[in-house]
Amino acid sequence: MSEAAYLKVARDIREQVSSGQLKPGDQLPSFAALCEQYDVSNTVIRAAMLILKAEGLIDGRQGKGVYIADPLPGAPR
């Protein structure tokens, strides 16, 4: 059984943060751009964002977008 699409998206974004490709404070692409990048629906991106938000990895700002949390969870202050 293959991994659900929303889990793949969440894992990929996590890996980009771990590798330093995405840094605290960086803005993620729009939902539409992420849908196109991963070739998935808005529902899949929304589910991935909910997981990452619950983990404290991202921070959504009303009308501003979604950003990598600053500081990252577990990072020294």
PDB file of N, CA and C in Angstrom:
ATOM      1  N   MET A   1       0.847  -1.184   0.000  1.00  0.00           N
ATOM      2  CA  MET A   1       0.000   0.000   0.000  1.00  0.00           C
ATOM      3  C   MET A   1       0.891   1.245   0.000  1.00  0.00           C
ATOM      4  N   SER A   2       0.611   2.182  -0.880  1.00  0.00           N
ATOM      5  CA  SER A   2       1.463   3.361  -0.981  1.00  0.00           C
ATOM      6  C   SER A   2       1.038   4.433   0.022  1.00  0.00           C
ATOM      7  N   GLU A   3       1.968   5.312   0.284  1.00  0.00           N
ATOM      8  CA  GLU A   3       1.748   6.403   1.234  1.00  0.00           C
ATOM      9  C   GLU A   3       0.727   7.393   0.667  1.00  0.00           C
ATOM     10  N   ALA A   4      -0.156   7.883   1.518  1.00  0.00           N
ATOM     11  CA  ALA A   4      -1.166   8.864   1.094  1.00  0.00           C
ATOM     12  C   ALA A   4      -0.469  10.134   0.597  1.00  0.00           C
ATOM     13  N   ALA A   5      -1.079  10.775  -0.387  1.00  0.00           N
ATOM     14  CA  ALA A   5      -0.481  11.964  -1.013  1.00  0.00           C
ATOM     15  C   ALA A   5      -0.206  13.071  -0.003  1.00  0.00           C
ATOM     16  N   TYR A   6      -1.130  13.299   0.941  1.00  0.00           N
ATOM     17  CA  TYR A   6      -0.920  14.389   1.907  1.00  0.00           C
ATOM     18  C   TYR A   6       0.264  14.095   2.820  1.00  0.00           C
ATOM     19  N   LEU A   7       0.503  12.811   3.115  1.00  0.00           N
ATOM     20  CA  LEU A   7       1.658  12.444   3.936  1.00  0.00           C
ATOM     21  C   LEU A   7       2.959  12.655   3.163  1.00  0.00           C
ATOM     22  N   LYS A   8       2.934  12.386   1.865  1.00  0.00           N
ATOM     23  CA  LYS A   8       4.121  12.618   1.021  1.00  0.00           C
ATOM     24  C   LYS A   8       4.465  14.101   0.978  1.00  0.00           C
ATOM     25  N   VAL A   9       3.446  14.932   0.812  1.00  0.00           N
ATOM     26  CA  VAL A   9       3.671  16.389   0.759  1.00  0.00           C
ATOM     27  C   VAL A   9       4.244  16.871   2.095  1.00  0.00           C
ATOM     28  N   ALA A  10       3.638  16.440   3.194  1.00  0.00           N
ATOM     29  CA  ALA A  10       4.116  16.844   4.529  1.00  0.00           C
ATOM     30  C   ALA A  10       5.559  16.378   4.740  1.00  0.00           C
ATOM     31  N   ARG A  11       5.853  15.135   4.347  1.00  0.00           N
ATOM     32  CA  ARG A  11       7.217  14.594   4.498  1.00  0.00           C
ATOM     33  C   ARG A  11       8.210  15.403   3.671  1.00  0.00           C
ATOM     34  N   ASP A  12       7.834  15.742   2.441  1.00  0.00           N
ATOM     35  CA  ASP A  12       8.729  16.500   1.578  1.00  0.00           C
ATOM     36  C   ASP A  12       9.034  17.876   2.170  1.00  0.00           C
ATOM     37  N   ILE A  13       8.027  18.545   2.668  1.00  0.00           N
ATOM     38  CA  ILE A  13       8.255  19.869   3.262  1.00  0.00           C
ATOM     39  C   ILE A  13       9.117  19.740   4.517  1.00  0.00           C
ATOM     40  N   ARG A  14       8.861  18.710   5.338  1.00  0.00           N
ATOM     41  CA  ARG A  14       9.701  18.448   6.514  1.00  0.00           C
ATOM     42  C   ARG A  14      11.159  18.257   6.107  1.00  0.00           C
ATOM     43  N   GLU A  15      11.382  17.478   5.044  1.00  0.00           N
ATOM     44  CA  GLU A  15      12.748  17.214   4.574  1.00  0.00           C
ATOM     45  C   GLU A  15      13.418  18.488   4.068  1.00  0.00           C
ATOM     46  N   GLN A  16      12.638  19.365   3.420  1.00  0.00           N
ATOM     47  CA  GLN A  16      13.202  20.638   2.954  1.00  0.00           C
ATOM     48  C   GLN A  16      13.633  21.507   4.129  1.00  0.00           C
ATOM     49  N   VAL A  17      12.900  21.440   5.228  1.00  0.00           N
ATOM     50  CA  VAL A  17      13.272  22.194   6.434  1.00  0.00           C
ATOM     51  C   VAL A  17      14.524  21.573   7.050  1.00  0.00           C
ATOM     52  N   SER A  18      14.541  20.244   7.168  1.00  0.00           N
ATOM     53  CA  SER A  18      15.696  19.547   7.765  1.00  0.00           C
ATOM     54  C   SER A  18      16.984  19.801   6.997  1.00  0.00           C
ATOM     55  N   SER A  19      16.862  19.862   5.665  1.00  0.00           N
ATOM     56  CA  SER A  19      18.051  20.049   4.823  1.00  0.00           C
ATOM     57  C   SER A  19      18.503  21.508   4.765  1.00  0.00           C
ATOM     58  N   GLY A  20      17.662  22.423   5.274  1.00  0.00           N
ATOM     59  CA  GLY A  20      18.013  23.838   5.232  1.00  0.00           C
ATOM     60  C   GLY A  20      17.541  24.529   3.969  1.00  0.00           C
ATOM     61  N   GLN A  21      16.879  23.783   3.080  1.00  0.00           N
ATOM     62  CA  GLN A  21      16.340  24.391   1.867  1.00  0.00           C
ATOM     63  C   GLN A  21      15.257  25.409   2.225  1.00  0.00           C
ATOM     64  N   LEU A  22      14.462  25.079   3.237  1.00  0.00           N
ATOM     65  CA  LEU A  22      13.490  26.019   3.800  1.00  0.00           C
ATOM     66  C   LEU A  22      13.959  26.377   5.204  1.00  0.00           C
ATOM     67  N   LYS A  23      13.993  27.661   5.498  1.00  0.00           N
ATOM     68  CA  LYS A  23      14.501  28.129   6.793  1.00  0.00           C
ATOM     69  C   LYS A  23      13.379  28.804   7.586  1.00  0.00           C
ATOM     70  N   PRO A  24      13.539  28.889   8.913  1.00  0.00           N
ATOM     71  CA  PRO A  24      12.542  29.585   9.730  1.00  0.00           C
ATOM     72  C   PRO A  24      12.260  30.976   9.168  1.00  0.00           C
ATOM     73  N   GLY A  25      10.971  31.290   9.063  1.00  0.00           N
ATOM     74  CA  GLY A  25      10.563  32.582   8.524  1.00  0.00           C
ATOM     75  C   GLY A  25      10.298  32.570   7.031  1.00  0.00           C
ATOM     76  N   ASP A  26      10.748  31.534   6.308  1.00  0.00           N
ATOM     77  CA  ASP A  26      10.496  31.449   4.868  1.00  0.00           C
ATOM     78  C   ASP A  26       9.004  31.243   4.604  1.00  0.00           C
ATOM     79  N   GLN A  27       8.518  31.875   3.564  1.00  0.00           N
ATOM     80  CA  GLN A  27       7.120  31.703   3.174  1.00  0.00           C
ATOM     81  C   GLN A  27       7.006  30.522   2.208  1.00  0.00           C
ATOM     82  N   LEU A  28       6.001  29.680   2.450  1.00  0.00           N
ATOM     83  CA  LEU A  28       5.723  28.583   1.530  1.00  0.00           C
ATOM     84  C   LEU A  28       5.000  29.141   0.304  1.00  0.00           C
ATOM     85  N   PRO A  29       5.095  28.442  -0.819  1.00  0.00           N
ATOM     86  CA  PRO A  29       4.326  28.856  -1.988  1.00  0.00           C
ATOM     87  C   PRO A  29       2.823  28.825  -1.678  1.00  0.00           C
ATOM     88  N   SER A  30       2.032  29.470  -2.506  1.00  0.00           N
ATOM     89  CA  SER A  30       0.583  29.473  -2.327  1.00  0.00           C
ATOM     90  C   SER A  30       0.031  28.060  -2.461  1.00  0.00           C
ATOM     91  N   PHE A  31      -1.177  27.851  -1.954  1.00  0.00           N
ATOM     92  CA  PHE A  31      -1.817  26.543  -2.084  1.00  0.00           C
ATOM     93  C   PHE A  31      -1.896  26.141  -3.553  1.00  0.00           C
ATOM     94  N   ALA A  32      -2.241  27.102  -4.416  1.00  0.00           N
ATOM     95  CA  ALA A  32      -2.358  26.806  -5.847  1.00  0.00           C
ATOM     96  C   ALA A  32      -1.017  26.344  -6.418  1.00  0.00           C
ATOM     97  N   ALA A  33       0.060  27.015  -6.030  1.00  0.00           N
ATOM     98  CA  ALA A  33       1.396  26.638  -6.513  1.00  0.00           C
ATOM     99  C   ALA A  33       1.797  25.261  -5.977  1.00  0.00           C
ATOM    100  N   LEU A  34       1.473  24.988  -4.712  1.00  0.00           N
ATOM    101  CA  LEU A  34       1.784  23.676  -4.140  1.00  0.00           C
ATOM    102  C   LEU A  34       0.971  22.579  -4.824  1.00  0.00           C
ATOM    103  N   CYS A  35      -0.292  22.857  -5.140  1.00  0.00           N
ATOM    104  CA  CYS A  35      -1.119  21.890  -5.866  1.00  0.00           C
ATOM    105  C   CYS A  35      -0.466  21.536  -7.196  1.00  0.00           C
ATOM    106  N   GLU A  36       0.006  22.561  -7.890  1.00  0.00           N
ATOM    107  CA  GLU A  36       0.652  22.347  -9.189  1.00  0.00           C
ATOM    108  C   GLU A  36       1.985  21.608  -9.022  1.00  0.00           C
ATOM    109  N   GLN A  37       2.784  22.021  -8.051  1.00  0.00           N
ATOM    110  CA  GLN A  37       4.099  21.420  -7.816  1.00  0.00           C
ATOM    111  C   GLN A  37       3.988  19.928  -7.521  1.00  0.00           C
ATOM    112  N   TYR A  38       3.023  19.547  -6.671  1.00  0.00           N
ATOM    113  CA  TYR A  38       2.889  18.149  -6.265  1.00  0.00           C
ATOM    114  C   TYR A  38       1.844  17.396  -7.085  1.00  0.00           C
ATOM    115  N   ASP A  39       1.170  18.092  -7.995  1.00  0.00           N
ATOM    116  CA  ASP A  39       0.128  17.496  -8.835  1.00  0.00           C
ATOM    117  C   ASP A  39      -0.950  16.821  -7.985  1.00  0.00           C
ATOM    118  N   VAL A  40      -1.471  17.591  -7.029  1.00  0.00           N
ATOM    119  CA  VAL A  40      -2.507  17.104  -6.115  1.00  0.00           C
ATOM    120  C   VAL A  40      -3.590  18.173  -5.970  1.00  0.00           C
ATOM    121  N   SER A  41      -4.677  17.809  -5.306  1.00  0.00           N
ATOM    122  CA  SER A  41      -5.787  18.746  -5.097  1.00  0.00           C
ATOM    123  C   SER A  41      -5.518  19.654  -3.896  1.00  0.00           C
ATOM    124  N   ASN A  42      -6.326  20.690  -3.807  1.00  0.00           N
ATOM    125  CA  ASN A  42      -6.263  21.626  -2.686  1.00  0.00           C
ATOM    126  C   ASN A  42      -6.507  20.896  -1.366  1.00  0.00           C
ATOM    127  N   THR A  43      -7.378  19.882  -1.388  1.00  0.00           N
ATOM    128  CA  THR A  43      -7.686  19.104  -0.185  1.00  0.00           C
ATOM    129  C   THR A  43      -6.440  18.403   0.349  1.00  0.00           C
ATOM    130  N   VAL A  44      -5.618  17.883  -0.549  1.00  0.00           N
ATOM    131  CA  VAL A  44      -4.379  17.196  -0.154  1.00  0.00           C
ATOM    132  C   VAL A  44      -3.418  18.198   0.499  1.00  0.00           C
ATOM    133  N   ILE A  45      -3.253  19.365  -0.107  1.00  0.00           N
ATOM    134  CA  ILE A  45      -2.357  20.385   0.451  1.00  0.00           C
ATOM    135  C   ILE A  45      -2.872  20.835   1.809  1.00  0.00           C
ATOM    136  N   ARG A  46      -4.173  21.045   1.914  1.00  0.00           N
ATOM    137  CA  ARG A  46      -4.768  21.479   3.183  1.00  0.00           C
ATOM    138  C   ARG A  46      -4.494  20.441   4.283  1.00  0.00           C
ATOM    139  N   ALA A  47      -4.653  19.157   3.967  1.00  0.00           N
ATOM    140  CA  ALA A  47      -4.405  18.094   4.951  1.00  0.00           C
ATOM    141  C   ALA A  47      -2.938  18.081   5.375  1.00  0.00           C
ATOM    142  N   ALA A  48      -2.030  18.257   4.424  1.00  0.00           N
ATOM    143  CA  ALA A  48      -0.595  18.293   4.746  1.00  0.00           C
ATOM    144  C   ALA A  48      -0.286  19.493   5.650  1.00  0.00           C
ATOM    145  N   MET A  49      -0.889  20.643   5.347  1.00  0.00           N
ATOM    146  CA  MET A  49      -0.658  21.844   6.156  1.00  0.00           C
ATOM    147  C   MET A  49      -1.183  21.668   7.571  1.00  0.00           C
ATOM    148  N   LEU A  50      -2.320  20.990   7.721  1.00  0.00           N
ATOM    149  CA  LEU A  50      -2.867  20.744   9.061  1.00  0.00           C
ATOM    150  C   LEU A  50      -1.907  19.895   9.895  1.00  0.00           C
ATOM    151  N   ILE A  51      -1.304  18.892   9.273  1.00  0.00           N
ATOM    152  CA  ILE A  51      -0.330  18.047   9.979  1.00  0.00           C
ATOM    153  C   ILE A  51       0.878  18.883  10.398  1.00  0.00           C
ATOM    154  N   LEU A  52       1.429  19.640   9.465  1.00  0.00           N
ATOM    155  CA  LEU A  52       2.623  20.446   9.757  1.00  0.00           C
ATOM    156  C   LEU A  52       2.340  21.514  10.801  1.00  0.00           C
ATOM    157  N   LYS A  53       1.132  22.079  10.762  1.00  0.00           N
ATOM    158  CA  LYS A  53       0.755  23.083  11.768  1.00  0.00           C
ATOM    159  C   LYS A  53       0.641  22.429  13.143  1.00  0.00           C
ATOM    160  N   ALA A  54       0.038  21.235  13.206  1.00  0.00           N
ATOM    161  CA  ALA A  54      -0.097  20.515  14.478  1.00  0.00           C
ATOM    162  C   ALA A  54       1.278  20.173  15.053  1.00  0.00           C
ATOM    163  N   GLU A  55       2.245  19.938  14.180  1.00  0.00           N
ATOM    164  CA  GLU A  55       3.619  19.639  14.623  1.00  0.00           C
ATOM    165  C   GLU A  55       4.368  20.909  15.017  1.00  0.00           C
ATOM    166  N   GLY A  56       3.792  22.071  14.732  1.00  0.00           N
ATOM    167  CA  GLY A  56       4.456  23.333  15.054  1.00  0.00           C
ATOM    168  C   GLY A  56       5.492  23.754  14.036  1.00  0.00           C
ATOM    169  N   LEU A  57       5.502  23.090  12.874  1.00  0.00           N
ATOM    170  CA  LEU A  57       6.521  23.362  11.866  1.00  0.00           C
ATOM    171  C   LEU A  57       6.193  24.581  11.009  1.00  0.00           C
ATOM    172  N   ILE A  58       4.892  24.872  10.864  1.00  0.00           N
ATOM    173  CA  ILE A  58       4.484  26.020  10.062  1.00  0.00           C
ATOM    174  C   ILE A  58       3.557  26.919  10.865  1.00  0.00           C
ATOM    175  N   ASP A  59       3.431  28.129  10.373  1.00  0.00           N
ATOM    176  CA  ASP A  59       2.593  29.139  11.022  1.00  0.00           C
ATOM    177  C   ASP A  59       1.818  29.866   9.936  1.00  0.00           C
ATOM    178  N   GLY A  60       0.493  29.733   9.961  1.00  0.00           N
ATOM    179  CA  GLY A  60      -0.337  30.426   8.987  1.00  0.00           C
ATOM    180  C   GLY A  60      -0.684  31.812   9.490  1.00  0.00           C
ATOM    181  N   ARG A  61      -0.590  32.790   8.610  1.00  0.00           N
ATOM    182  CA  ARG A  61      -0.917  34.173   8.976  1.00  0.00           C
ATOM    183  C   ARG A  61      -2.046  34.646   8.075  1.00  0.00           C
ATOM    184  N   GLN A  62      -3.189  34.935   8.666  1.00  0.00           N
ATOM    185  CA  GLN A  62      -4.385  35.322   7.919  1.00  0.00           C
ATOM    186  C   GLN A  62      -4.075  36.413   6.900  1.00  0.00           C
ATOM    187  N   GLY A  63      -4.330  36.112   5.647  1.00  0.00           N
ATOM    188  CA  GLY A  63      -4.130  37.080   4.583  1.00  0.00           C
ATOM    189  C   GLY A  63      -2.684  37.300   4.182  1.00  0.00           C
ATOM    190  N   LYS A  64      -1.761  36.623   4.845  1.00  0.00           N
ATOM    191  CA  LYS A  64      -0.332  36.825   4.574  1.00  0.00           C
ATOM    192  C   LYS A  64       0.327  35.590   3.980  1.00  0.00           C
ATOM    193  N   GLY A  65      -0.185  34.396   4.296  1.00  0.00           N
ATOM    194  CA  GLY A  65       0.417  33.166   3.782  1.00  0.00           C
ATOM    195  C   GLY A  65       0.825  32.229   4.901  1.00  0.00           C
ATOM    196  N   VAL A  66       1.567  31.216   4.512  1.00  0.00           N
ATOM    197  CA  VAL A  66       2.039  30.194   5.446  1.00  0.00           C
ATOM    198  C   VAL A  66       3.561  30.256   5.482  1.00  0.00           C
ATOM    199  N   TYR A  67       4.110  30.257   6.694  1.00  0.00           N
ATOM    200  CA  TYR A  67       5.554  30.412   6.887  1.00  0.00           C
ATOM    201  C   TYR A  67       6.113  29.259   7.709  1.00  0.00           C
ATOM    202  N   ILE A  68       7.396  28.998   7.526  1.00  0.00           N
ATOM    203  CA  ILE A  68       8.093  28.040   8.381  1.00  0.00           C
ATOM    204  C   ILE A  68       8.214  28.685   9.753  1.00  0.00           C
ATOM    205  N   ALA A  69       7.890  27.920  10.784  1.00  0.00           N
ATOM    206  CA  ALA A  69       7.887  28.447  12.154  1.00  0.00           C
ATOM    207  C   ALA A  69       9.260  28.994  12.530  1.00  0.00           C
ATOM    208  N   ASP A  70       9.234  30.088  13.279  1.00  0.00           N
ATOM    209  CA  ASP A  70      10.451  30.709  13.765  1.00  0.00           C
ATOM    210  C   ASP A  70      10.247  31.063  15.224  1.00  0.00           C
ATOM    211  N   PRO A  71      10.863  30.362  16.156  1.00  0.00           N
ATOM    212  CA  PRO A  71      11.840  29.288  15.935  1.00  0.00           C
ATOM    213  C   PRO A  71      11.142  27.966  15.624  1.00  0.00           C
ATOM    214  N   LEU A  72      11.916  27.055  15.062  1.00  0.00           N
ATOM    215  CA  LEU A  72      11.408  25.717  14.782  1.00  0.00           C
ATOM    216  C   LEU A  72      11.149  24.991  16.106  1.00  0.00           C
ATOM    217  N   PRO A  73      10.196  24.048  16.115  1.00  0.00           N
ATOM    218  CA  PRO A  73       9.948  23.287  17.340  1.00  0.00           C
ATOM    219  C   PRO A  73      11.232  22.563  17.771  1.00  0.00           C
ATOM    220  N   GLY A  74      11.532  22.640  19.042  1.00  0.00           N
ATOM    221  CA  GLY A  74      12.711  21.968  19.578  1.00  0.00           C
ATOM    222  C   GLY A  74      14.000  22.755  19.411  1.00  0.00           C
ATOM    223  N   ALA A  75      13.935  23.877  18.712  1.00  0.00           N
ATOM    224  CA  ALA A  75      15.155  24.687  18.531  1.00  0.00           C
ATOM    225  C   ALA A  75      15.428  25.483  19.792  1.00  0.00           C
ATOM    226  N   PRO A  76      16.700  25.650  20.139  1.00  0.00           N
ATOM    227  CA  PRO A  76      17.018  26.472  21.314  1.00  0.00           C
ATOM    228  C   PRO A  76      16.612  27.915  21.047  1.00  0.00           C
ATOM    229  N   ARG A  77      16.173  28.584  22.073  1.00  0.00           N
ATOM    230  CA  ARG A  77      15.720  29.977  21.929  1.00  0.00           C
ATOM    231  C   ARG A  77      16.834  30.952  22.154  1.00  0.00           C
TER     232      ARG A  77
END
